[in-house]
């Protein structure tokens, strides 16, 4: 849907992944507190679910342009999917932030794979592999959102573990940014 050069996408993804990790390294107590509140946060849930719904609707519109078999049903699909996204915010508020985040992971992974498809460098497989890990995570977190809470509790059990994980993620984010700057 969105044609972004893989170099730009890598830099944006790397920066988006890097910033929370730096915050976690510098302010581990506050990061822990915020991260542990995330799974049950209704505000984050509504925001992420609405964002995911809008992005998904744009994807449906784009797909309709490419596959005209569903052209007659586009309006009906947009109303149904949009209504489903809004109804989710009202009816399914338990772990809504995790579910919204999971759908965004799936949509981001699609964007990553679509934009990495035509890159000549074998380093594109770093982005594609990352995308497939996000797909697995998105599916797993959608069907069992309480696992995110458990993963956060494990990750933030103490400052040493939290800083190690944030440090490793920082290194990976810098690799992705480096690929965007120097390889793609």
Foldseek 3Di string as FASTA:
>chain_A
DDADALLVVLQVVLVVLQVLLVCCQVPVVVSLVVQLCQQLDLVLLLVLLLVLLVLVLVVLVVVCVVPVPCVVCNVVVNVVSNVVSVVCSVPVNRSSNLLSVLSVLLSVLVVLCVNLVPDPDPCSVLSNVVSVVSPVVSVVCNVPVVVSSVVSCVCSVDSVSVNVVSVVSNVVSVVSNCCSVPPD
